[in-house]
Amino acid sequence: MKIIFLMVFPVLLTACAGWPGERAAPVVRVLDAAQVTECRTAGSVHVSVEDRLGSLQQIDGAVRHELEMLAKGSALQLQGNAIVPIGAIDRGNQSFAVYRCP
């Protein structure tokens, strides 16, 4: 039962209409530092999600996906079209550099 909940919960979260990351997903790309050498810096964002659901740990891939979607939504507000993770995920928190790329 716990496994099913952990698999279904992230899907339910991403199904929310109007979530900024949903609109940004096709526009904002997740790149690495080597891919943004021709881009201009637009700023940085720090995003966070709950990495635990009660006493259960969320699946790492689900946390990463949620963080990226939030960062993509924030990148749109900075008029960016690319994000680069800064460091590793730490207890549901992560920072991203935002870029405007050609």
N, C-alpha and C. Protein backbone atom coordinates (compact mmCIF):
# COMPACT_ATOMS: atom_id res chain seq x y z
N MET A 1 0.83 -1.19 0.00
CA MET A 1 0.00 0.00 0.00
C MET A 1 0.88 1.26 0.00
N LYS A 2 1.94 1.27 0.81
CA LYS A 2 2.83 2.43 0.87
C LYS A 2 3.50 2.66 -0.48
N ILE A 3 3.90 1.60 -1.14
CA ILE A 3 4.57 1.71 -2.44
C ILE A 3 3.63 2.34 -3.46
N ILE A 4 2.39 1.90 -3.48
CA ILE A 4 1.41 2.46 -4.42
C ILE A 4 1.22 3.94 -4.15
N PHE A 5 1.12 4.33 -2.90
CA PHE A 5 0.96 5.74 -2.55
C PHE A 5 2.15 6.56 -3.02
N LEU A 6 3.35 6.05 -2.82
CA LEU A 6 4.55 6.77 -3.24
C LEU A 6 4.63 6.90 -4.76
N MET A 7 4.06 5.96 -5.48
CA MET A 7 4.09 6.02 -6.94
C MET A 7 3.00 6.94 -7.47
N VAL A 8 1.86 6.99 -6.83
CA VAL A 8 0.71 7.77 -7.33
C VAL A 8 0.78 9.22 -6.88
N PHE A 9 1.28 9.51 -5.72
CA PHE A 9 1.26 10.87 -5.18
C PHE A 9 1.95 11.89 -6.09
N PRO A 10 3.16 11.63 -6.61
CA PRO A 10 3.79 12.62 -7.50
C PRO A 10 2.96 12.89 -8.76
N VAL A 11 2.29 11.87 -9.26
CA VAL A 11 1.43 12.05 -10.44
C VAL A 11 0.28 12.99 -10.11
N LEU A 12 -0.30 12.82 -8.94
CA LEU A 12 -1.39 13.69 -8.53
C LEU A 12 -0.92 15.13 -8.36
N LEU A 13 0.28 15.31 -7.85
CA LEU A 13 0.82 16.66 -7.70
C LEU A 13 1.00 17.34 -9.05
N THR A 14 1.50 16.64 -10.03
CA THR A 14 1.73 17.25 -11.33
C THR A 14 0.46 17.43 -12.12
N ALA A 15 -0.65 16.85 -11.69
CA ALA A 15 -1.91 16.99 -12.38
C ALA A 15 -2.64 18.28 -12.04
N CYS A 16 -2.12 19.05 -11.11
CA CYS A 16 -2.77 20.29 -10.72
C CYS A 16 -2.76 21.28 -11.88
N ALA A 17 -3.92 21.78 -12.25
CA ALA A 17 -4.02 22.74 -13.36
C ALA A 17 -3.43 24.07 -12.95
N GLY A 18 -2.79 24.71 -13.88
CA GLY A 18 -2.25 26.04 -13.63
C GLY A 18 -0.93 26.06 -12.87
N TRP A 19 -0.33 24.92 -12.63
CA TRP A 19 0.94 24.88 -11.93
C TRP A 19 1.98 25.51 -12.84
N PRO A 20 2.73 26.53 -12.38
CA PRO A 20 3.64 27.26 -13.25
C PRO A 20 4.65 26.36 -13.98
N GLY A 21 5.13 25.34 -13.33
CA GLY A 21 6.09 24.46 -13.97
C GLY A 21 5.49 23.70 -15.14
N GLU A 22 4.19 23.43 -15.08
CA GLU A 22 3.52 22.72 -16.17
C GLU A 22 3.56 23.55 -17.45
N ARG A 23 3.30 24.83 -17.35
CA ARG A 23 3.33 25.73 -18.49
C ARG A 23 4.76 25.92 -19.01
N ALA A 24 5.72 25.90 -18.10
CA ALA A 24 7.12 26.15 -18.45
C ALA A 24 7.83 24.93 -19.01
N ALA A 25 7.31 23.76 -18.75
CA ALA A 25 8.01 22.52 -19.10
C ALA A 25 8.49 22.46 -20.55
N PRO A 26 7.66 22.80 -21.54
CA PRO A 26 8.17 22.72 -22.92
C PRO A 26 9.08 23.88 -23.31
N VAL A 27 9.07 24.96 -22.56
CA VAL A 27 9.82 26.16 -22.91
C VAL A 27 11.20 26.20 -22.25
N VAL A 28 11.27 25.79 -21.00
CA VAL A 28 12.50 25.88 -20.21
C VAL A 28 13.19 24.52 -20.19
N ARG A 29 14.46 24.51 -20.58
CA ARG A 29 15.23 23.26 -20.63
C ARG A 29 16.13 23.14 -19.41
N VAL A 30 16.38 21.92 -18.99
CA VAL A 30 17.36 21.64 -17.93
C VAL A 30 18.66 21.28 -18.63
N LEU A 31 19.70 22.09 -18.42
CA LEU A 31 20.99 21.89 -19.08
C LEU A 31 22.07 21.72 -18.03
N ASP A 32 23.30 21.43 -18.50
CA ASP A 32 24.44 21.43 -17.59
C ASP A 32 25.31 22.65 -17.92
N ALA A 33 26.28 22.92 -17.08
CA ALA A 33 27.09 24.14 -17.21
C ALA A 33 27.80 24.23 -18.56
N ALA A 34 28.20 23.13 -19.14
CA ALA A 34 28.89 23.14 -20.43
C ALA A 34 27.98 23.56 -21.57
N GLN A 35 26.68 23.44 -21.39
CA GLN A 35 25.73 23.75 -22.45
C GLN A 35 25.26 25.21 -22.45
N VAL A 36 25.66 26.01 -21.48
CA VAL A 36 25.17 27.38 -21.40
C VAL A 36 26.26 28.43 -21.65
N THR A 37 27.33 28.03 -22.32
CA THR A 37 28.44 28.96 -22.55
C THR A 37 28.04 30.11 -23.48
N GLU A 38 27.05 29.92 -24.33
CA GLU A 38 26.59 30.97 -25.24
C GLU A 38 25.37 31.71 -24.70
N CYS A 39 25.01 31.47 -23.46
CA CYS A 39 23.79 32.02 -22.87
C CYS A 39 24.12 33.19 -21.94
N ARG A 40 23.11 34.02 -21.68
CA ARG A 40 23.25 35.11 -20.72
C ARG A 40 22.59 34.72 -19.40
N THR A 41 23.22 35.08 -18.30
CA THR A 41 22.67 34.79 -16.98
C THR A 41 21.44 35.66 -16.74
N ALA A 42 20.36 35.03 -16.26
CA ALA A 42 19.13 35.75 -15.95
C ALA A 42 18.88 35.82 -14.44
N GLY A 43 19.66 35.08 -13.68
CA GLY A 43 19.49 35.08 -12.23
C GLY A 43 19.63 33.68 -11.67
N SER A 44 19.08 33.50 -10.48
CA SER A 44 19.09 32.18 -9.84
C SER A 44 17.82 32.04 -9.02
N VAL A 45 17.45 30.80 -8.76
CA VAL A 45 16.26 30.52 -7.96
C VAL A 45 16.59 29.40 -6.97
N HIS A 46 15.91 29.42 -5.86
CA HIS A 46 16.01 28.36 -4.86
C HIS A 46 14.60 27.81 -4.67
N VAL A 47 14.46 26.52 -4.85
CA VAL A 47 13.14 25.90 -4.71
C VAL A 47 13.20 24.78 -3.70
N SER A 48 12.04 24.45 -3.15
CA SER A 48 12.00 23.36 -2.18
C SER A 48 10.65 22.65 -2.24
N VAL A 49 10.68 21.37 -1.92
CA VAL A 49 9.48 20.54 -1.82
C VAL A 49 9.64 19.67 -0.59
N GLU A 50 8.55 19.12 -0.14
CA GLU A 50 8.61 18.16 0.96
C GLU A 50 9.22 16.87 0.43
N ASP A 51 10.30 16.44 1.04
CA ASP A 51 10.91 15.18 0.61
C ASP A 51 10.39 14.00 1.41
N ARG A 52 9.50 14.27 2.34
CA ARG A 52 8.88 13.20 3.14
C ARG A 52 7.38 13.40 3.12
N LEU A 53 6.66 12.32 3.07
CA LEU A 53 5.20 12.32 3.18
C LEU A 53 4.86 11.61 4.48
N GLY A 54 4.72 12.39 5.52
CA GLY A 54 4.56 11.78 6.84
C GLY A 54 5.87 11.12 7.23
N SER A 55 5.81 9.84 7.51
CA SER A 55 7.03 9.12 7.89
C SER A 55 7.68 8.44 6.68
N LEU A 56 7.12 8.65 5.48
CA LEU A 56 7.65 7.99 4.28
C LEU A 56 8.53 8.94 3.48
N GLN A 57 9.64 8.42 3.00
CA GLN A 57 10.56 9.18 2.15
C GLN A 57 10.05 9.14 0.72
N GLN A 58 9.96 10.31 0.04
CA GLN A 58 9.55 10.31 -1.36
C GLN A 58 10.65 9.69 -2.22
N ILE A 59 10.27 9.19 -3.36
CA ILE A 59 11.21 8.61 -4.31
C ILE A 59 12.07 9.74 -4.88
N ASP A 60 13.40 9.53 -4.94
CA ASP A 60 14.33 10.56 -5.38
C ASP A 60 13.96 11.17 -6.72
N GLY A 61 13.55 10.36 -7.67
CA GLY A 61 13.18 10.86 -8.99
C GLY A 61 11.98 11.81 -8.94
N ALA A 62 11.04 11.52 -8.05
CA ALA A 62 9.86 12.38 -7.91
C ALA A 62 10.26 13.73 -7.32
N VAL A 63 11.12 13.73 -6.33
CA VAL A 63 11.59 14.98 -5.72
C VAL A 63 12.34 15.81 -6.76
N ARG A 64 13.23 15.18 -7.52
CA ARG A 64 13.99 15.89 -8.55
C ARG A 64 13.05 16.50 -9.60
N HIS A 65 12.05 15.73 -10.03
CA HIS A 65 11.10 16.22 -11.02
C HIS A 65 10.32 17.43 -10.49
N GLU A 66 9.85 17.35 -9.26
CA GLU A 66 9.09 18.46 -8.67
C GLU A 66 9.96 19.71 -8.55
N LEU A 67 11.21 19.54 -8.11
CA LEU A 67 12.12 20.68 -8.00
C LEU A 67 12.37 21.32 -9.36
N GLU A 68 12.59 20.50 -10.37
CA GLU A 68 12.83 21.03 -11.72
C GLU A 68 11.61 21.77 -12.24
N MET A 69 10.42 21.25 -12.00
CA MET A 69 9.21 21.92 -12.46
C MET A 69 9.03 23.27 -11.77
N LEU A 70 9.29 23.34 -10.48
CA LEU A 70 9.20 24.61 -9.77
C LEU A 70 10.24 25.60 -10.28
N ALA A 71 11.45 25.11 -10.52
CA ALA A 71 12.52 25.97 -11.03
C ALA A 71 12.19 26.48 -12.43
N LYS A 72 11.58 25.65 -13.25
CA LYS A 72 11.18 26.08 -14.59
C LYS A 72 10.14 27.19 -14.53
N GLY A 73 9.18 27.05 -13.63
CA GLY A 73 8.17 28.10 -13.45
C GLY A 73 8.81 29.41 -13.00
N SER A 74 9.76 29.33 -12.09
CA SER A 74 10.47 30.52 -11.63
C SER A 74 11.33 31.12 -12.73
N ALA A 75 11.91 30.28 -13.57
CA ALA A 75 12.74 30.76 -14.67
C ALA A 75 11.91 31.60 -15.64
N LEU A 76 10.68 31.21 -15.88
CA LEU A 76 9.82 32.00 -16.75
C LEU A 76 9.63 33.41 -16.22
N GLN A 77 9.50 33.55 -14.91
CA GLN A 77 9.33 34.87 -14.30
C GLN A 77 10.58 35.73 -14.50
N LEU A 78 11.74 35.09 -14.64
CA LEU A 78 12.99 35.82 -14.89
C LEU A 78 13.28 35.92 -16.39
N GLN A 79 12.32 35.51 -17.21
CA GLN A 79 12.45 35.50 -18.66
C GLN A 79 13.59 34.61 -19.13
N GLY A 80 13.82 33.53 -18.41
CA GLY A 80 14.84 32.57 -18.80
C GLY A 80 14.23 31.41 -19.56
N ASN A 81 15.08 30.72 -20.31
CA ASN A 81 14.60 29.54 -21.03
C ASN A 81 15.46 28.30 -20.77
N ALA A 82 16.34 28.40 -19.77
CA ALA A 82 17.18 27.26 -19.39
C ALA A 82 17.53 27.37 -17.91
N ILE A 83 17.64 26.22 -17.27
CA ILE A 83 18.09 26.17 -15.87
C ILE A 83 19.22 25.16 -15.76
N VAL A 84 20.12 25.44 -14.82
CA VAL A 84 21.24 24.54 -14.53
C VAL A 84 21.24 24.30 -13.01
N PRO A 85 21.13 23.04 -12.58
CA PRO A 85 21.17 22.77 -11.14
C PRO A 85 22.50 23.23 -10.54
N ILE A 86 22.40 23.84 -9.38
CA ILE A 86 23.59 24.26 -8.62
C ILE A 86 23.66 23.35 -7.40
N GLY A 87 24.57 22.43 -7.40
CA GLY A 87 24.71 21.51 -6.29
C GLY A 87 23.66 20.41 -6.30
N ALA A 88 23.72 19.59 -5.29
CA ALA A 88 22.84 18.43 -5.18
C ALA A 88 21.57 18.80 -4.42
N ILE A 89 20.59 17.95 -4.50
CA ILE A 89 19.36 18.10 -3.72
C ILE A 89 19.69 17.83 -2.27
N ASP A 90 19.26 18.73 -1.39
CA ASP A 90 19.52 18.58 0.04
C ASP A 90 18.21 18.71 0.80
N ARG A 91 17.70 17.60 1.28
CA ARG A 91 16.44 17.56 2.05
C ARG A 91 15.31 18.32 1.35
N GLY A 92 15.15 18.08 0.05
CA GLY A 92 14.06 18.68 -0.70
C GLY A 92 14.32 20.10 -1.16
N ASN A 93 15.56 20.57 -1.06
CA ASN A 93 15.94 21.92 -1.48
C ASN A 93 16.98 21.85 -2.58
N GLN A 94 16.90 22.78 -3.51
CA GLN A 94 17.93 22.87 -4.55
C GLN A 94 17.91 24.27 -5.17
N SER A 95 19.08 24.72 -5.58
CA SER A 95 19.21 25.99 -6.28
C SER A 95 19.50 25.73 -7.74
N PHE A 96 19.08 26.66 -8.58
CA PHE A 96 19.28 26.57 -10.02
C PHE A 96 19.73 27.93 -10.54
N ALA A 97 20.68 27.93 -11.47
CA ALA A 97 21.02 29.13 -12.22
C ALA A 97 20.05 29.22 -13.39
N VAL A 98 19.62 30.43 -13.71
CA VAL A 98 18.67 30.64 -14.81
C VAL A 98 19.39 31.38 -15.92
N TYR A 99 19.18 30.94 -17.16
CA TYR A 99 19.84 31.52 -18.32
C TYR A 99 18.84 31.84 -19.43
N ARG A 100 19.21 32.82 -20.26
CA ARG A 100 18.52 33.10 -21.52
C ARG A 100 19.45 32.63 -22.63
N CYS A 101 19.03 31.61 -23.35
CA CYS A 101 19.86 31.03 -24.40
C CYS A 101 19.23 31.29 -25.76
N PRO A 102 20.10 31.37 -26.78
CA PRO A 102 19.58 31.58 -28.13
C PRO A 102 18.81 30.36 -28.64
